[in-house]
């Protein structure tokens, strides 16, 4: 019986940012978000540009345009972030409404 929840979801996109206030802390060329069985949202992304000071600040917000949605965008609060030379992995909170 279906319990009304989704356990395996994957969302992808081209451009996106993690914002600190109104400033981009990181900009992406490609990103993907998945929801695992434990219910956690995980963002993986290819970095285009990073601002080292801003990415260490809080609060951070992941944002990206929603393809096919008129003037819409994805938004998640960032709970933790790990930045590598070219890739980023972040744990996200629930999607913003």
C-alpha atoms as a PDB file:
ATOM      1  CA  UNK A   1       0.000   0.000   0.000  1.00  0.00           C
ATOM      2  CA  UNK A   2       1.294   3.459  -0.868  1.00  0.00           C
ATOM      3  CA  UNK A   3       1.950   5.659   2.179  1.00  0.00           C
ATOM      4  CA  UNK A   4       1.718   8.973   0.284  1.00  0.00           C
ATOM      5  CA  UNK A   5       5.467   9.714   0.316  1.00  0.00           C
ATOM      6  CA  UNK A   6       8.202   9.505  -2.287  1.00  0.00           C
ATOM      7  CA  UNK A   7      11.392   7.725  -1.257  1.00  0.00           C
ATOM      8  CA  UNK A   8      13.521   7.991  -4.406  1.00  0.00           C
ATOM      9  CA  UNK A   9      13.370  11.360  -6.143  1.00  0.00           C
ATOM     10  CA  UNK A  10      16.005  12.924  -8.406  1.00  0.00           C
ATOM     11  CA  UNK A  11      15.874  16.495  -9.741  1.00  0.00           C
ATOM     12  CA  UNK A  12      18.495  17.910 -12.115  1.00  0.00           C
ATOM     13  CA  UNK A  13      19.296  21.265 -13.621  1.00  0.00           C
ATOM     14  CA  UNK A  14      21.906  23.334 -15.408  1.00  0.00           C
ATOM     15  CA  UNK A  15      22.394  26.689 -13.666  1.00  0.00           C
ATOM     16  CA  UNK A  16      22.006  27.222  -9.947  1.00  0.00           C
ATOM     17  CA  UNK A  17      23.448  29.016  -6.931  1.00  0.00           C
ATOM     18  CA  UNK A  18      23.887  28.765  -3.216  1.00  0.00           C
ATOM     19  CA  UNK A  19      23.140  32.203  -1.836  1.00  0.00           C
ATOM     20  CA  UNK A  20      24.335  33.904   1.326  1.00  0.00           C
ATOM     21  CA  UNK A  21      21.768  36.660   1.669  1.00  0.00           C
ATOM     22  CA  UNK A  22      21.429  38.047  -1.837  1.00  0.00           C
ATOM     23  CA  UNK A  23      25.046  37.203  -2.838  1.00  0.00           C
ATOM     24  CA  UNK A  24      26.034  34.012  -4.668  1.00  0.00           C
ATOM     25  CA  UNK A  25      28.407  31.969  -2.501  1.00  0.00           C
ATOM     26  CA  UNK A  26      28.684  29.257  -5.200  1.00  0.00           C
ATOM     27  CA  UNK A  27      27.434  29.123  -8.789  1.00  0.00           C
ATOM     28  CA  UNK A  28      26.938  25.824 -10.628  1.00  0.00           C
ATOM     29  CA  UNK A  29      27.123  24.596 -14.211  1.00  0.00           C
ATOM     30  CA  UNK A  30      25.158  21.442 -13.413  1.00  0.00           C
ATOM     31  CA  UNK A  31      23.425  20.116 -10.295  1.00  0.00           C
ATOM     32  CA  UNK A  32      21.358  17.180  -9.077  1.00  0.00           C
ATOM     33  CA  UNK A  33      19.285  16.690  -5.924  1.00  0.00           C
ATOM     34  CA  UNK A  34      18.231  13.290  -4.695  1.00  0.00           C
ATOM     35  CA  UNK A  35      16.133  12.145  -1.801  1.00  0.00           C
ATOM     36  CA  UNK A  36      17.328   8.922  -0.264  1.00  0.00           C
ATOM     37  CA  UNK A  37      15.455   6.296   1.710  1.00  0.00           C
ATOM     38  CA  UNK A  38      16.379   8.101   4.924  1.00  0.00           C
ATOM     39  CA  UNK A  39      14.424  11.163   3.696  1.00  0.00           C
ATOM     40  CA  UNK A  40      17.482  13.443   3.422  1.00  0.00           C
ATOM     41  CA  UNK A  41      17.913  15.742   0.431  1.00  0.00           C
ATOM     42  CA  UNK A  42      21.456  15.701  -1.019  1.00  0.00           C
ATOM     43  CA  UNK A  43      22.744  18.228  -3.571  1.00  0.00           C
ATOM     44  CA  UNK A  44      25.721  17.383  -5.806  1.00  0.00           C
ATOM     45  CA  UNK A  45      26.955  20.002  -8.231  1.00  0.00           C
ATOM     46  CA  UNK A  46      29.727  20.969 -10.633  1.00  0.00           C
ATOM     47  CA  UNK A  47      31.163  24.290  -9.486  1.00  0.00           C
ATOM     48  CA  UNK A  48      31.451  27.217 -11.900  1.00  0.00           C
ATOM     49  CA  UNK A  49      32.547  29.823  -9.330  1.00  0.00           C
ATOM     50  CA  UNK A  50      32.958  29.868  -5.545  1.00  0.00           C
ATOM     51  CA  UNK A  51      33.343  32.728  -3.060  1.00  0.00           C
ATOM     52  CA  UNK A  52      35.417  31.127  -0.236  1.00  0.00           C
ATOM     53  CA  UNK A  53      34.313  33.520   2.523  1.00  0.00           C
ATOM     54  CA  UNK A  54      30.599  33.471   1.638  1.00  0.00           C
ATOM     55  CA  UNK A  55      30.311  29.663   1.452  1.00  0.00           C
ATOM     56  CA  UNK A  56      31.411  29.402   5.113  1.00  0.00           C
ATOM     57  CA  UNK A  57      28.625  31.719   6.315  1.00  0.00           C
ATOM     58  CA  UNK A  58      25.069  30.969   7.429  1.00  0.00           C
ATOM     59  CA  UNK A  59      22.260  30.857   6.526  1.00  0.00           C
ATOM     60  CA  UNK A  60      22.757  29.553   2.981  1.00  0.00           C
ATOM     61  CA  UNK A  61      20.006  28.893   0.439  1.00  0.00           C
ATOM     62  CA  UNK A  62      20.189  26.729  -2.704  1.00  0.00           C
ATOM     63  CA  UNK A  63      18.215  28.260  -5.597  1.00  0.00           C
ATOM     64  CA  UNK A  64      17.773  27.313  -9.255  1.00  0.00           C
ATOM     65  CA  UNK A  65      15.253  28.044 -12.021  1.00  0.00           C
ATOM     66  CA  UNK A  66      12.512  25.448 -12.475  1.00  0.00           C
ATOM     67  CA  UNK A  67      12.402  24.404 -16.106  1.00  0.00           C
ATOM     68  CA  UNK A  68       8.903  24.560 -17.511  1.00  0.00           C
ATOM     69  CA  UNK A  69       7.580  26.576 -14.579  1.00  0.00           C
ATOM     70  CA  UNK A  70       6.638  30.170 -15.300  1.00  0.00           C
ATOM     71  CA  UNK A  71       8.826  32.403 -13.124  1.00  0.00           C
ATOM     72  CA  UNK A  72       9.378  29.518 -10.729  1.00  0.00           C
ATOM     73  CA  UNK A  73      12.485  28.371  -8.922  1.00  0.00           C
ATOM     74  CA  UNK A  74      13.688  25.626  -6.593  1.00  0.00           C
ATOM     75  CA  UNK A  75      14.760  26.661  -3.085  1.00  0.00           C
ATOM     76  CA  UNK A  76      16.182  24.644  -0.207  1.00  0.00           C
ATOM     77  CA  UNK A  77      17.923  25.726   2.974  1.00  0.00           C
ATOM     78  CA  UNK A  78      21.477  24.355   3.182  1.00  0.00           C
ATOM     79  CA  UNK A  79      22.255  22.426   6.380  1.00  0.00           C
ATOM     80  CA  UNK A  80      25.874  21.489   5.596  1.00  0.00           C
ATOM     81  CA  UNK A  81      28.224  21.845   2.633  1.00  0.00           C
ATOM     82  CA  UNK A  82      31.495  20.277   1.459  1.00  0.00           C
ATOM     83  CA  UNK A  83      33.351  22.087  -1.326  1.00  0.00           C
ATOM     84  CA  UNK A  84      36.008  20.378  -3.459  1.00  0.00           C
ATOM     85  CA  UNK A  85      38.048  21.694  -6.359  1.00  0.00           C
ATOM     86  CA  UNK A  86      35.294  21.099  -8.932  1.00  0.00           C
ATOM     87  CA  UNK A  87      32.408  19.433  -7.054  1.00  0.00           C
ATOM     88  CA  UNK A  88      30.166  20.321  -4.158  1.00  0.00           C
ATOM     89  CA  UNK A  89      28.057  18.087  -1.931  1.00  0.00           C
ATOM     90  CA  UNK A  90      25.503  19.629   0.422  1.00  0.00           C
ATOM     91  CA  UNK A  91      22.844  18.298   2.767  1.00  0.00           C
ATOM     92  CA  UNK A  92      19.615  20.259   2.314  1.00  0.00           C
ATOM     93  CA  UNK A  93      16.653  20.882   4.559  1.00  0.00           C
ATOM     94  CA  UNK A  94      13.088  20.478   3.300  1.00  0.00           C
ATOM     95  CA  UNK A  95      12.139  22.364   0.107  1.00  0.00           C
ATOM     96  CA  UNK A  96      10.935  25.923   0.635  1.00  0.00           C
ATOM     97  CA  UNK A  97       7.310  26.666  -0.260  1.00  0.00           C
END
